[in-house]
């Protein structure tokens, strides 16, 4: 049990920055997620050990109370046998009283030790939970920073693409429309010119004929 807590303490207290700076990790967030999953599994093992310690404490308490009850009953029976002058019964009752009392004392000691160990385990478990909670919050912070970086890079990429390609295409389209407009205007002027020249030529011919 102590080894598990020592391992958990060393693991959870590891330097997070060293983990994130590890060049072998291509994605620090993925590495951190793996690290936290492993820590959560270890925490679950410790939780089960604490539950087991609770059961042991309850068993020690049960055995202590039973032994204490038997010891007290035998003590009373010994007093009755002594008053009645029943030496054999008195000796038997005292013998069992001594055995039950020794068992009760031993169970009480084990129960007290279990309670002390349980308090220590609960304290360490609470520290471990707080540490893991801090790690989860730290992960959320890092994920938020990663999202900002990814979103910024995406926005910058789109802006650069919009700045480079579409606007250059707009310029091409604008030149194309200008060329069309020039061609349409040129054709219109040419057609108008030809029509005017025809009219002028007819008018001159009419004058010549009159003269």
C-alpha atoms as a PDB file:
ATOM      1  CA  UNK A   1       0.000   0.000   0.000  1.00  0.00           C
ATOM      2  CA  UNK A   2       2.842   2.358   0.911  1.00  0.00           C
ATOM      3  CA  UNK A   3       4.597   1.524  -2.356  1.00  0.00           C
ATOM      4  CA  UNK A   4       1.511   2.473  -4.359  1.00  0.00           C
ATOM      5  CA  UNK A   5       1.222   5.825  -2.610  1.00  0.00           C
ATOM      6  CA  UNK A   6       4.932   6.489  -3.066  1.00  0.00           C
ATOM      7  CA  UNK A   7       4.630   5.686  -6.753  1.00  0.00           C
ATOM      8  CA  UNK A   8       1.526   7.856  -7.077  1.00  0.00           C
ATOM      9  CA  UNK A   9       3.200  10.744  -5.263  1.00  0.00           C
ATOM     10  CA  UNK A  10       6.296  10.550  -7.459  1.00  0.00           C
ATOM     11  CA  UNK A  11       4.206  10.206 -10.625  1.00  0.00           C
ATOM     12  CA  UNK A  12       1.772  13.029  -9.918  1.00  0.00           C
ATOM     13  CA  UNK A  13       4.537  15.328  -8.660  1.00  0.00           C
ATOM     14  CA  UNK A  14       6.532  14.897 -11.873  1.00  0.00           C
ATOM     15  CA  UNK A  15       7.497  18.115 -13.593  1.00  0.00           C
ATOM     16  CA  UNK A  16       4.774  18.891 -16.151  1.00  0.00           C
ATOM     17  CA  UNK A  17       7.025  21.221 -18.107  1.00  0.00           C
ATOM     18  CA  UNK A  18       9.561  18.447 -18.568  1.00  0.00           C
ATOM     19  CA  UNK A  19       6.814  16.257 -19.972  1.00  0.00           C
ATOM     20  CA  UNK A  20       5.680  18.944 -22.380  1.00  0.00           C
ATOM     21  CA  UNK A  21       9.236  19.760 -23.440  1.00  0.00           C
ATOM     22  CA  UNK A  22      10.065  16.143 -24.224  1.00  0.00           C
ATOM     23  CA  UNK A  23      11.211  16.177 -27.845  1.00  0.00           C
ATOM     24  CA  UNK A  24      10.035  12.610 -28.332  1.00  0.00           C
ATOM     25  CA  UNK A  25       6.440  13.678 -27.799  1.00  0.00           C
ATOM     26  CA  UNK A  26       5.008  14.927 -31.086  1.00  0.00           C
ATOM     27  CA  UNK A  27       1.832  16.190 -29.402  1.00  0.00           C
ATOM     28  CA  UNK A  28       2.234  17.276 -25.739  1.00  0.00           C
ATOM     29  CA  UNK A  29      -1.541  17.430 -25.212  1.00  0.00           C
ATOM     30  CA  UNK A  30      -1.872  13.785 -26.270  1.00  0.00           C
ATOM     31  CA  UNK A  31       0.972  12.866 -23.939  1.00  0.00           C
ATOM     32  CA  UNK A  32      -0.685  14.766 -21.099  1.00  0.00           C
ATOM     33  CA  UNK A  33      -4.022  13.037 -21.729  1.00  0.00           C
ATOM     34  CA  UNK A  34      -2.281   9.665 -21.555  1.00  0.00           C
ATOM     35  CA  UNK A  35      -0.518  10.713 -18.355  1.00  0.00           C
ATOM     36  CA  UNK A  36      -3.788  11.769 -16.724  1.00  0.00           C
ATOM     37  CA  UNK A  37      -5.573   8.568 -17.775  1.00  0.00           C
ATOM     38  CA  UNK A  38      -2.831   6.530 -16.143  1.00  0.00           C
ATOM     39  CA  UNK A  39      -3.043   8.670 -13.013  1.00  0.00           C
ATOM     40  CA  UNK A  40      -6.825   8.233 -12.871  1.00  0.00           C
ATOM     41  CA  UNK A  41      -6.378   4.463 -13.088  1.00  0.00           C
ATOM     42  CA  UNK A  42      -3.897   4.581 -10.214  1.00  0.00           C
ATOM     43  CA  UNK A  43      -6.301   6.750  -8.242  1.00  0.00           C
ATOM     44  CA  UNK A  44      -9.035   4.133  -8.724  1.00  0.00           C
ATOM     45  CA  UNK A  45      -6.700   1.445  -7.351  1.00  0.00           C
ATOM     46  CA  UNK A  46      -6.022   3.579  -4.279  1.00  0.00           C
ATOM     47  CA  UNK A  47      -9.747   4.204  -3.797  1.00  0.00           C
ATOM     48  CA  UNK A  48     -10.344   0.447  -3.706  1.00  0.00           C
ATOM     49  CA  UNK A  49      -7.550   0.033  -1.161  1.00  0.00           C
ATOM     50  CA  UNK A  50      -9.173   2.680   1.034  1.00  0.00           C
ATOM     51  CA  UNK A  51     -12.509   0.868   0.788  1.00  0.00           C
ATOM     52  CA  UNK A  52     -10.735  -2.329   1.791  1.00  0.00           C
ATOM     53  CA  UNK A  53      -9.192  -0.520   4.756  1.00  0.00           C
ATOM     54  CA  UNK A  54     -12.666   0.608   5.821  1.00  0.00           C
ATOM     55  CA  UNK A  55     -13.865  -2.984   5.731  1.00  0.00           C
ATOM     56  CA  UNK A  56     -10.864  -4.118   7.775  1.00  0.00           C
ATOM     57  CA  UNK A  57     -11.489  -1.399  10.338  1.00  0.00           C
ATOM     58  CA  UNK A  58     -15.128  -2.492  10.591  1.00  0.00           C
ATOM     59  CA  UNK A  59     -14.069  -6.136  11.024  1.00  0.00           C
ATOM     60  CA  UNK A  60     -11.567  -5.240  13.734  1.00  0.00           C
ATOM     61  CA  UNK A  61     -14.244  -3.197  15.508  1.00  0.00           C
ATOM     62  CA  UNK A  62     -16.730  -6.052  15.265  1.00  0.00           C
ATOM     63  CA  UNK A  63     -14.236  -8.577  16.648  1.00  0.00           C
ATOM     64  CA  UNK A  64     -13.176  -6.191  19.395  1.00  0.00           C
ATOM     65  CA  UNK A  65     -16.743  -5.586  20.544  1.00  0.00           C
ATOM     66  CA  UNK A  66     -17.533  -9.291  20.515  1.00  0.00           C
ATOM     67  CA  UNK A  67     -14.400 -10.190  22.475  1.00  0.00           C
ATOM     68  CA  UNK A  68     -15.004  -7.370  24.954  1.00  0.00           C
ATOM     69  CA  UNK A  69     -18.592  -8.536  25.426  1.00  0.00           C
ATOM     70  CA  UNK A  70     -17.479 -12.149  26.015  1.00  0.00           C
ATOM     71  CA  UNK A  71     -14.760 -11.019  28.420  1.00  0.00           C
ATOM     72  CA  UNK A  72     -17.218  -8.955  30.465  1.00  0.00           C
ATOM     73  CA  UNK A  73     -19.733 -11.796  30.583  1.00  0.00           C
ATOM     74  CA  UNK A  74     -17.114 -14.287  31.721  1.00  0.00           C
ATOM     75  CA  UNK A  75     -15.937 -11.815  34.368  1.00  0.00           C
ATOM     76  CA  UNK A  76     -19.444 -11.542  35.770  1.00  0.00           C
ATOM     77  CA  UNK A  77     -19.841 -15.333  35.627  1.00  0.00           C
ATOM     78  CA  UNK A  78     -16.545 -15.733  37.478  1.00  0.00           C
ATOM     79  CA  UNK A  79     -17.780 -13.369  40.206  1.00  0.00           C
ATOM     80  CA  UNK A  80     -20.980 -15.399  40.533  1.00  0.00           C
ATOM     81  CA  UNK A  81     -19.034 -18.691  40.677  1.00  0.00           C
ATOM     82  CA  UNK A  82     -16.672 -17.235  43.287  1.00  0.00           C
ATOM     83  CA  UNK A  83     -19.569 -16.085  45.432  1.00  0.00           C
ATOM     84  CA  UNK A  84     -21.139 -19.524  45.105  1.00  0.00           C
ATOM     85  CA  UNK A  85     -17.880 -21.226  46.045  1.00  0.00           C
ATOM     86  CA  UNK A  86     -17.672 -23.034  42.699  1.00  0.00           C
ATOM     87  CA  UNK A  87     -13.907 -23.088  42.283  1.00  0.00           C
ATOM     88  CA  UNK A  88     -13.849 -25.102  39.058  1.00  0.00           C
ATOM     89  CA  UNK A  89     -16.432 -22.886  37.412  1.00  0.00           C
ATOM     90  CA  UNK A  90     -14.646 -19.800  38.688  1.00  0.00           C
ATOM     91  CA  UNK A  91     -11.312 -20.926  37.264  1.00  0.00           C
ATOM     92  CA  UNK A  92     -12.879 -21.801  33.885  1.00  0.00           C
ATOM     93  CA  UNK A  93     -14.669 -18.451  33.697  1.00  0.00           C
ATOM     94  CA  UNK A  94     -11.510 -16.529  34.645  1.00  0.00           C
ATOM     95  CA  UNK A  95      -9.452 -18.468  32.111  1.00  0.00           C
ATOM     96  CA  UNK A  96     -11.868 -17.602  29.313  1.00  0.00           C
ATOM     97  CA  UNK A  97     -12.169 -14.028  30.574  1.00  0.00           C
ATOM     98  CA  UNK A  98      -8.404 -13.672  30.261  1.00  0.00           C
ATOM     99  CA  UNK A  99      -8.410 -15.133  26.735  1.00  0.00           C
ATOM    100  CA  UNK A 100     -11.314 -12.959  25.574  1.00  0.00           C
ATOM    101  CA  UNK A 101      -9.801  -9.874  27.168  1.00  0.00           C
ATOM    102  CA  UNK A 102      -6.462 -10.531  25.453  1.00  0.00           C
ATOM    103  CA  UNK A 103      -8.278 -10.920  22.160  1.00  0.00           C
ATOM    104  CA  UNK A 104     -10.262  -7.733  22.783  1.00  0.00           C
ATOM    105  CA  UNK A 105      -7.075  -5.828  23.590  1.00  0.00           C
ATOM    106  CA  UNK A 106      -5.430  -7.141  20.426  1.00  0.00           C
ATOM    107  CA  UNK A 107      -8.455  -6.273  18.249  1.00  0.00           C
ATOM    108  CA  UNK A 108      -8.658  -2.806  19.826  1.00  0.00           C
ATOM    109  CA  UNK A 109      -5.014  -2.193  18.989  1.00  0.00           C
ATOM    110  CA  UNK A 110      -5.525  -3.414  15.412  1.00  0.00           C
ATOM    111  CA  UNK A 111      -8.639  -1.248  15.083  1.00  0.00           C
ATOM    112  CA  UNK A 112      -6.800   1.818  16.346  1.00  0.00           C
ATOM    113  CA  UNK A 113      -3.945   1.147  13.919  1.00  0.00           C
ATOM    114  CA  UNK A 114      -6.428   0.680  11.089  1.00  0.00           C
ATOM    115  CA  UNK A 115      -8.093   3.993  11.977  1.00  0.00           C
ATOM    116  CA  UNK A 116      -4.749   5.765  12.028  1.00  0.00           C
ATOM    117  CA  UNK A 117      -3.754   4.240   8.696  1.00  0.00           C
ATOM    118  CA  UNK A 118      -7.159   5.081   7.272  1.00  0.00           C
ATOM    119  CA  UNK A 119      -6.787   8.740   8.249  1.00  0.00           C
ATOM    120  CA  UNK A 120      -3.369   8.781   6.578  1.00  0.00           C
ATOM    121  CA  UNK A 121      -4.729   7.138   3.449  1.00  0.00           C
ATOM    122  CA  UNK A 122      -7.663   9.546   3.229  1.00  0.00           C
ATOM    123  CA  UNK A 123      -5.344  12.518   3.643  1.00  0.00           C
ATOM    124  CA  UNK A 124      -3.014  11.293   0.896  1.00  0.00           C
ATOM    125  CA  UNK A 125      -5.974  10.391  -1.293  1.00  0.00           C
ATOM    126  CA  UNK A 126      -7.357  13.905  -0.862  1.00  0.00           C
ATOM    127  CA  UNK A 127      -3.967  15.389  -1.755  1.00  0.00           C
ATOM    128  CA  UNK A 128      -3.823  13.129  -4.805  1.00  0.00           C
ATOM    129  CA  UNK A 129      -7.316  14.179  -5.915  1.00  0.00           C
ATOM    130  CA  UNK A 130      -6.434  17.854  -5.550  1.00  0.00           C
ATOM    131  CA  UNK A 131      -3.233  17.339  -7.511  1.00  0.00           C
ATOM    132  CA  UNK A 132      -5.089  15.548 -10.291  1.00  0.00           C
ATOM    133  CA  UNK A 133      -7.742  18.261 -10.313  1.00  0.00           C
ATOM    134  CA  UNK A 134      -4.994  20.849 -10.760  1.00  0.00           C
ATOM    135  CA  UNK A 135      -3.567  18.752 -13.577  1.00  0.00           C
ATOM    136  CA  UNK A 136      -6.960  18.566 -15.299  1.00  0.00           C
ATOM    137  CA  UNK A 137      -7.338  22.341 -15.000  1.00  0.00           C
ATOM    138  CA  UNK A 138      -3.819  22.765 -16.337  1.00  0.00           C
ATOM    139  CA  UNK A 139      -4.726  20.539 -19.272  1.00  0.00           C
ATOM    140  CA  UNK A 140      -7.812  22.660 -19.964  1.00  0.00           C
ATOM    141  CA  UNK A 141      -5.628  25.764 -19.917  1.00  0.00           C
ATOM    142  CA  UNK A 142      -3.137  24.211 -22.335  1.00  0.00           C
ATOM    143  CA  UNK A 143      -5.926  22.953 -24.595  1.00  0.00           C
ATOM    144  CA  UNK A 144      -7.383  26.461 -24.668  1.00  0.00           C
ATOM    145  CA  UNK A 145      -4.017  27.907 -25.621  1.00  0.00           C
ATOM    146  CA  UNK A 146      -3.601  25.214 -28.271  1.00  0.00           C
ATOM    147  CA  UNK A 147      -7.053  26.021 -29.683  1.00  0.00           C
ATOM    148  CA  UNK A 148      -6.146  29.703 -29.886  1.00  0.00           C
ATOM    149  CA  UNK A 149      -2.932  28.907 -31.730  1.00  0.00           C
ATOM    150  CA  UNK A 150      -4.673  26.518 -34.118  1.00  0.00           C
ATOM    151  CA  UNK A 151      -7.531  28.942 -34.760  1.00  0.00           C
ATOM    152  CA  UNK A 152      -5.116  31.843 -35.285  1.00  0.00           C
ATOM    153  CA  UNK A 153      -3.058  29.819 -37.729  1.00  0.00           C
ATOM    154  CA  UNK A 154      -6.204  28.801 -39.600  1.00  0.00           C
ATOM    155  CA  UNK A 155      -7.443  32.391 -39.722  1.00  0.00           C
ATOM    156  CA  UNK A 156      -4.064  33.651 -40.896  1.00  0.00           C
ATOM    157  CA  UNK A 157      -3.929  30.984 -43.594  1.00  0.00           C
ATOM    158  CA  UNK A 158      -7.398  31.906 -44.865  1.00  0.00           C
ATOM    159  CA  UNK A 159      -6.564  35.605 -44.771  1.00  0.00           C
ATOM    160  CA  UNK A 160      -3.354  35.024 -46.693  1.00  0.00           C
ATOM    161  CA  UNK A 161      -5.155  32.926 -49.281  1.00  0.00           C
ATOM    162  CA  UNK A 162      -7.887  35.526 -49.614  1.00  0.00           C
ATOM    163  CA  UNK A 163      -5.308  38.290 -49.878  1.00  0.00           C
ATOM    164  CA  UNK A 164      -3.228  36.537 -52.514  1.00  0.00           C
ATOM    165  CA  UNK A 165      -5.369  34.433 -54.820  1.00  0.00           C
ATOM    166  CA  UNK A 166      -8.932  35.828 -54.894  1.00  0.00           C
ATOM    167  CA  UNK A 167      -7.903  39.454 -55.196  1.00  0.00           C
ATOM    168  CA  UNK A 168      -5.486  38.655 -57.994  1.00  0.00           C
ATOM    169  CA  UNK A 169      -8.371  36.866 -59.697  1.00  0.00           C
ATOM    170  CA  UNK A 170     -10.549  39.914 -59.161  1.00  0.00           C
ATOM    171  CA  UNK A 171      -7.906  41.981 -60.885  1.00  0.00           C
ATOM    172  CA  UNK A 172      -7.829  39.531 -63.802  1.00  0.00           C
ATOM    173  CA  UNK A 173     -11.620  39.630 -63.969  1.00  0.00           C
ATOM    174  CA  UNK A 174     -11.588  43.411 -63.856  1.00  0.00           C
ATOM    175  CA  UNK A 175      -9.104  43.582 -66.750  1.00  0.00           C
ATOM    176  CA  UNK A 176     -11.217  41.091 -68.670  1.00  0.00           C
ATOM    177  CA  UNK A 177     -14.363  43.212 -68.156  1.00  0.00           C
ATOM    178  CA  UNK A 178     -12.467  46.359 -69.162  1.00  0.00           C
ATOM    179  CA  UNK A 179     -11.333  44.639 -72.338  1.00  0.00           C
ATOM    180  CA  UNK A 180     -14.906  43.600 -73.054  1.00  0.00           C
ATOM    181  CA  UNK A 181     -16.117  47.103 -72.426  1.00  0.00           C
ATOM    182  CA  UNK A 182     -13.433  48.506 -74.687  1.00  0.00           C
ATOM    183  CA  UNK A 183     -14.297  46.021 -77.397  1.00  0.00           C
ATOM    184  CA  UNK A 184     -18.028  46.728 -77.088  1.00  0.00           C
ATOM    185  CA  UNK A 185     -17.457  50.462 -77.148  1.00  0.00           C
ATOM    186  CA  UNK A 186     -15.036  50.147 -80.064  1.00  0.00           C
ATOM    187  CA  UNK A 187     -17.473  48.016 -82.030  1.00  0.00           C
ATOM    188  CA  UNK A 188     -20.288  50.425 -81.238  1.00  0.00           C
ATOM    189  CA  UNK A 189     -18.246  53.420 -82.300  1.00  0.00           C
ATOM    190  CA  UNK A 190     -17.125  51.636 -85.449  1.00  0.00           C
ATOM    191  CA  UNK A 191     -20.681  50.673 -86.360  1.00  0.00           C
ATOM    192  CA  UNK A 192     -21.913  54.184 -85.631  1.00  0.00           C
ATOM    193  CA  UNK A 193     -19.066  55.678 -87.609  1.00  0.00           C
ATOM    194  CA  UNK A 194     -19.800  53.525 -90.621  1.00  0.00           C
ATOM    195  CA  UNK A 195     -23.496  54.413 -90.428  1.00  0.00           C
ATOM    196  CA  UNK A 196     -22.725  58.115 -90.194  1.00  0.00           C
ATOM    197  CA  UNK A 197     -20.334  57.911 -93.090  1.00  0.00           C
ATOM    198  CA  UNK A 198     -22.953  56.192 -95.208  1.00  0.00           C
ATOM    199  CA  UNK A 199     -25.463  58.885 -94.399  1.00  0.00           C
ATOM    200  CA  UNK A 200     -22.937  61.586 -95.124  1.00  0.00           C
ATOM    201  CA  UNK A 201     -21.989  59.997 -98.409  1.00  0.00           C
ATOM    202  CA  UNK A 202     -25.651  59.785 -99.440  1.00  0.00           C
ATOM    203  CA  UNK A 203     -26.189  63.369 -98.508  1.00  0.00           C
ATOM    204  CA  UNK A 204     -23.225  64.514-100.616  1.00  0.00           C
ATOM    205  CA  UNK A 205     -24.427  62.506-103.577  1.00  0.00           C
ATOM    206  CA  UNK A 206     -27.879  64.055-103.283  1.00  0.00           C
ATOM    207  CA  UNK A 207     -26.345  67.531-103.417  1.00  0.00           C
ATOM    208  CA  UNK A 208     -24.269  66.687-106.440  1.00  0.00           C
ATOM    209  CA  UNK A 209     -27.292  65.399-108.284  1.00  0.00           C
ATOM    210  CA  UNK A 210     -29.226  68.523-107.507  1.00  0.00           C
ATOM    211  CA  UNK A 211     -26.389  70.693-108.775  1.00  0.00           C
END
